[in-house]
Amino acid sequence: MTIFTQDYPALPGSSSAAAQHAHTVVEERTPRRASDAYQLVSAMFTWALARSHTASSLTLITTVDHGRTRFELHFPNDQPGSVQLAAEQVSALADAYGERPSQRGRMIYAELWMSSQAVTT
């Protein structure tokens, strides 16, 4: 198992940086899913940035384990509003995904598997 933990400022440019990281990690292991990883993490960051104050930080934890890559995004959820996760986009790209409260505020995750069968949880 390989785990990458990266902190990003809650600024628009962080979305691209995190998405590029996701693309690179997945491309090394499952090249055909690299574009999915980029789009998926970009969508997750867009959602989290809309719910985070610019003075906040977001933490992306990427776990690679036996044909599965999991992206967990932790953020403070400190901005009011009812911005909803682009569930259609995420469910179309991810093999599993979810969202829940966390000690820090909120956590969303998405997984990409080597197989192409999508399952949502």
C-alpha atoms as a PDB file:
ATOM      1  CA  MET A   1       0.000   0.000   0.000  1.00  0.00           C
ATOM      2  CA  THR A   2       1.209   3.495  -0.895  1.00  0.00           C
ATOM      3  CA  ILE A   3      -0.224   6.626   0.739  1.00  0.00           C
ATOM      4  CA  PHE A   4       0.336  10.225  -0.363  1.00  0.00           C
ATOM      5  CA  THR A   5      -0.864  13.085   1.857  1.00  0.00           C
ATOM      6  CA  GLN A   6      -0.851  16.606   0.459  1.00  0.00           C
ATOM      7  CA  ASP A   7      -2.148  19.890   1.862  1.00  0.00           C
ATOM      8  CA  TYR A   8      -3.447  22.608  -0.438  1.00  0.00           C
ATOM      9  CA  PRO A   9      -4.565  26.168   0.244  1.00  0.00           C
ATOM     10  CA  ALA A  10      -8.259  26.780  -0.393  1.00  0.00           C
ATOM     11  CA  LEU A  11      -7.522  28.693  -3.594  1.00  0.00           C
ATOM     12  CA  PRO A  12      -8.695  28.003  -7.173  1.00  0.00           C
ATOM     13  CA  GLY A  13      -5.240  26.958  -8.422  1.00  0.00           C
ATOM     14  CA  SER A  14      -5.188  24.102  -5.926  1.00  0.00           C
ATOM     15  CA  SER A  15      -7.782  22.241  -7.953  1.00  0.00           C
ATOM     16  CA  SER A  16      -5.460  21.939 -10.946  1.00  0.00           C
ATOM     17  CA  ALA A  17      -2.446  21.024  -8.815  1.00  0.00           C
ATOM     18  CA  ALA A  18      -4.338  18.270  -7.000  1.00  0.00           C
ATOM     19  CA  ALA A  19      -5.889  16.976 -10.217  1.00  0.00           C
ATOM     20  CA  GLN A  20      -2.435  16.791 -11.833  1.00  0.00           C
ATOM     21  CA  HIS A  21      -1.150  14.844  -8.829  1.00  0.00           C
ATOM     22  CA  ALA A  22      -4.065  12.390  -9.177  1.00  0.00           C
ATOM     23  CA  HIS A  23      -3.416  12.006 -12.896  1.00  0.00           C
ATOM     24  CA  THR A  24       0.272  11.257 -12.308  1.00  0.00           C
ATOM     25  CA  VAL A  25      -0.375   8.690  -9.578  1.00  0.00           C
ATOM     26  CA  VAL A  26      -3.002   6.813 -11.572  1.00  0.00           C
ATOM     27  CA  GLU A  27      -1.120   7.044 -14.885  1.00  0.00           C
ATOM     28  CA  GLU A  28       1.786   5.111 -13.347  1.00  0.00           C
ATOM     29  CA  ARG A  29      -0.491   2.226 -12.397  1.00  0.00           C
ATOM     30  CA  THR A  30      -3.596   2.297 -14.601  1.00  0.00           C
ATOM     31  CA  PRO A  31      -2.970   4.639 -17.569  1.00  0.00           C
ATOM     32  CA  ARG A  32      -6.465   4.247 -19.015  1.00  0.00           C
ATOM     33  CA  ARG A  33      -7.979   5.718 -15.817  1.00  0.00           C
ATOM     34  CA  ALA A  34      -5.607   8.713 -15.525  1.00  0.00           C
ATOM     35  CA  SER A  35      -8.009  11.127 -17.229  1.00  0.00           C
ATOM     36  CA  ASP A  36     -10.808   9.936 -14.940  1.00  0.00           C
ATOM     37  CA  ALA A  37      -8.593  10.621 -11.921  1.00  0.00           C
ATOM     38  CA  TYR A  38      -7.870  14.160 -13.115  1.00  0.00           C
ATOM     39  CA  GLN A  39     -11.538  14.984 -13.705  1.00  0.00           C
ATOM     40  CA  LEU A  40     -12.653  13.319 -10.496  1.00  0.00           C
ATOM     41  CA  VAL A  41     -10.245  15.135  -8.192  1.00  0.00           C
ATOM     42  CA  SER A  42     -10.904  18.403 -10.008  1.00  0.00           C
ATOM     43  CA  ALA A  43     -14.673  18.012  -9.378  1.00  0.00           C
ATOM     44  CA  MET A  44     -14.077  17.126  -5.725  1.00  0.00           C
ATOM     45  CA  PHE A  45     -11.845  20.173  -5.224  1.00  0.00           C
ATOM     46  CA  THR A  46     -14.276  22.499  -6.980  1.00  0.00           C
ATOM     47  CA  TRP A  47     -16.985  21.374  -4.593  1.00  0.00           C
ATOM     48  CA  ALA A  48     -14.787  21.625  -1.494  1.00  0.00           C
ATOM     49  CA  LEU A  49     -13.386  25.035  -2.473  1.00  0.00           C
ATOM     50  CA  ALA A  50     -16.905  26.428  -2.705  1.00  0.00           C
ATOM     51  CA  ARG A  51     -17.453  25.292   0.888  1.00  0.00           C
ATOM     52  CA  SER A  52     -14.126  26.489   2.322  1.00  0.00           C
ATOM     53  CA  HIS A  53     -12.877  29.909   3.348  1.00  0.00           C
ATOM     54  CA  THR A  54      -9.816  31.056   1.381  1.00  0.00           C
ATOM     55  CA  ALA A  55      -7.744  31.076   4.591  1.00  0.00           C
ATOM     56  CA  SER A  56      -8.449  27.343   5.027  1.00  0.00           C
ATOM     57  CA  SER A  57      -6.519  24.373   3.788  1.00  0.00           C
ATOM     58  CA  LEU A  58      -7.651  21.129   2.181  1.00  0.00           C
ATOM     59  CA  THR A  59      -5.954  17.774   2.596  1.00  0.00           C
ATOM     60  CA  LEU A  60      -5.920  15.179  -0.162  1.00  0.00           C
ATOM     61  CA  ILE A  61      -5.019  11.646   0.909  1.00  0.00           C
ATOM     62  CA  THR A  62      -4.338   9.297  -1.992  1.00  0.00           C
ATOM     63  CA  THR A  63      -4.147   5.593  -1.201  1.00  0.00           C
ATOM     64  CA  VAL A  64      -3.027   3.067  -3.794  1.00  0.00           C
ATOM     65  CA  ASP A  65      -3.619  -0.553  -2.869  1.00  0.00           C
ATOM     66  CA  HIS A  66      -4.059  -3.700  -5.006  1.00  0.00           C
ATOM     67  CA  GLY A  67      -5.618  -2.221  -8.131  1.00  0.00           C
ATOM     68  CA  ARG A  68      -7.563   0.465  -6.297  1.00  0.00           C
ATOM     69  CA  THR A  69      -6.801   4.167  -5.910  1.00  0.00           C
ATOM     70  CA  ARG A  70      -8.768   6.089  -3.282  1.00  0.00           C
ATOM     71  CA  PHE A  71      -8.872   9.881  -3.110  1.00  0.00           C
ATOM     72  CA  GLU A  72     -10.018  11.326   0.223  1.00  0.00           C
ATOM     73  CA  LEU A  73     -10.476  15.069   0.457  1.00  0.00           C
ATOM     74  CA  HIS A  74     -10.735  16.592   3.933  1.00  0.00           C
ATOM     75  CA  PHE A  75     -11.823  20.217   4.269  1.00  0.00           C
ATOM     76  CA  PRO A  76     -13.241  22.494   6.974  1.00  0.00           C
ATOM     77  CA  ASN A  77     -16.680  23.037   5.397  1.00  0.00           C
ATOM     78  CA  ASP A  78     -16.609  26.504   6.983  1.00  0.00           C
ATOM     79  CA  GLN A  79     -18.604  28.445   4.398  1.00  0.00           C
ATOM     80  CA  PRO A  80     -22.402  28.484   4.447  1.00  0.00           C
ATOM     81  CA  GLY A  81     -24.329  27.370   1.442  1.00  0.00           C
ATOM     82  CA  SER A  82     -25.853  24.328  -0.111  1.00  0.00           C
ATOM     83  CA  VAL A  83     -23.422  23.636  -2.924  1.00  0.00           C
ATOM     84  CA  GLN A  84     -23.982  20.009  -3.857  1.00  0.00           C
ATOM     85  CA  LEU A  85     -21.363  17.591  -5.083  1.00  0.00           C
ATOM     86  CA  ALA A  86     -21.623  17.029  -8.814  1.00  0.00           C
ATOM     87  CA  ALA A  87     -22.892  13.517  -8.096  1.00  0.00           C
ATOM     88  CA  GLU A  88     -23.580  12.684 -11.723  1.00  0.00           C
ATOM     89  CA  GLN A  89     -20.027  13.527 -12.770  1.00  0.00           C
ATOM     90  CA  VAL A  90     -18.468  11.768  -9.804  1.00  0.00           C
ATOM     91  CA  SER A  91     -20.652   8.660 -10.134  1.00  0.00           C
ATOM     92  CA  ALA A  92     -19.875   8.462 -13.850  1.00  0.00           C
ATOM     93  CA  LEU A  93     -16.133   8.476 -13.151  1.00  0.00           C
ATOM     94  CA  ALA A  94     -15.727   6.748  -9.788  1.00  0.00           C
ATOM     95  CA  ASP A  95     -16.176   3.100  -8.970  1.00  0.00           C
ATOM     96  CA  ALA A  96     -17.165   4.076  -5.417  1.00  0.00           C
ATOM     97  CA  TYR A  97     -17.737   7.412  -3.727  1.00  0.00           C
ATOM     98  CA  GLY A  98     -19.213   8.967  -0.625  1.00  0.00           C
ATOM     99  CA  GLU A  99     -19.283  11.899   1.734  1.00  0.00           C
ATOM    100  CA  ARG A 100     -19.517  12.289   5.496  1.00  0.00           C
ATOM    101  CA  PRO A 101     -18.782  14.618   8.387  1.00  0.00           C
ATOM    102  CA  SER A 102     -15.267  14.385   9.744  1.00  0.00           C
ATOM    103  CA  GLN A 103     -13.373  15.621  12.759  1.00  0.00           C
ATOM    104  CA  ARG A 104     -12.063  18.453  10.611  1.00  0.00           C
ATOM    105  CA  GLY A 105     -15.393  19.342   8.974  1.00  0.00           C
ATOM    106  CA  ARG A 106     -16.226  17.223   5.943  1.00  0.00           C
ATOM    107  CA  MET A 107     -14.679  14.374   3.952  1.00  0.00           C
ATOM    108  CA  ILE A 108     -15.504  13.215   0.456  1.00  0.00           C
ATOM    109  CA  TYR A 109     -13.913  10.235  -1.224  1.00  0.00           C
ATOM    110  CA  ALA A 110     -13.860   8.533  -4.575  1.00  0.00           C
ATOM    111  CA  GLU A 111     -12.218   5.327  -5.725  1.00  0.00           C
ATOM    112  CA  LEU A 112     -10.948   4.151  -9.078  1.00  0.00           C
ATOM    113  CA  TRP A 113     -10.490   0.437  -9.632  1.00  0.00           C
ATOM    114  CA  MET A 114      -8.571  -1.352 -12.331  1.00  0.00           C
ATOM    115  CA  SER A 115     -11.807  -2.977 -13.512  1.00  0.00           C
ATOM    116  CA  SER A 116     -14.303  -0.815 -15.343  1.00  0.00           C
ATOM    117  CA  GLN A 117     -17.433  -1.876 -13.452  1.00  0.00           C
ATOM    118  CA  ALA A 118     -18.745   1.084 -11.473  1.00  0.00           C
ATOM    119  CA  VAL A 119     -20.347   0.653  -8.076  1.00  0.00           C
ATOM    120  CA  THR A 120     -21.607   3.540  -5.951  1.00  0.00           C
ATOM    121  CA  THR A 121     -21.858   3.461  -2.180  1.00  0.00           C
END
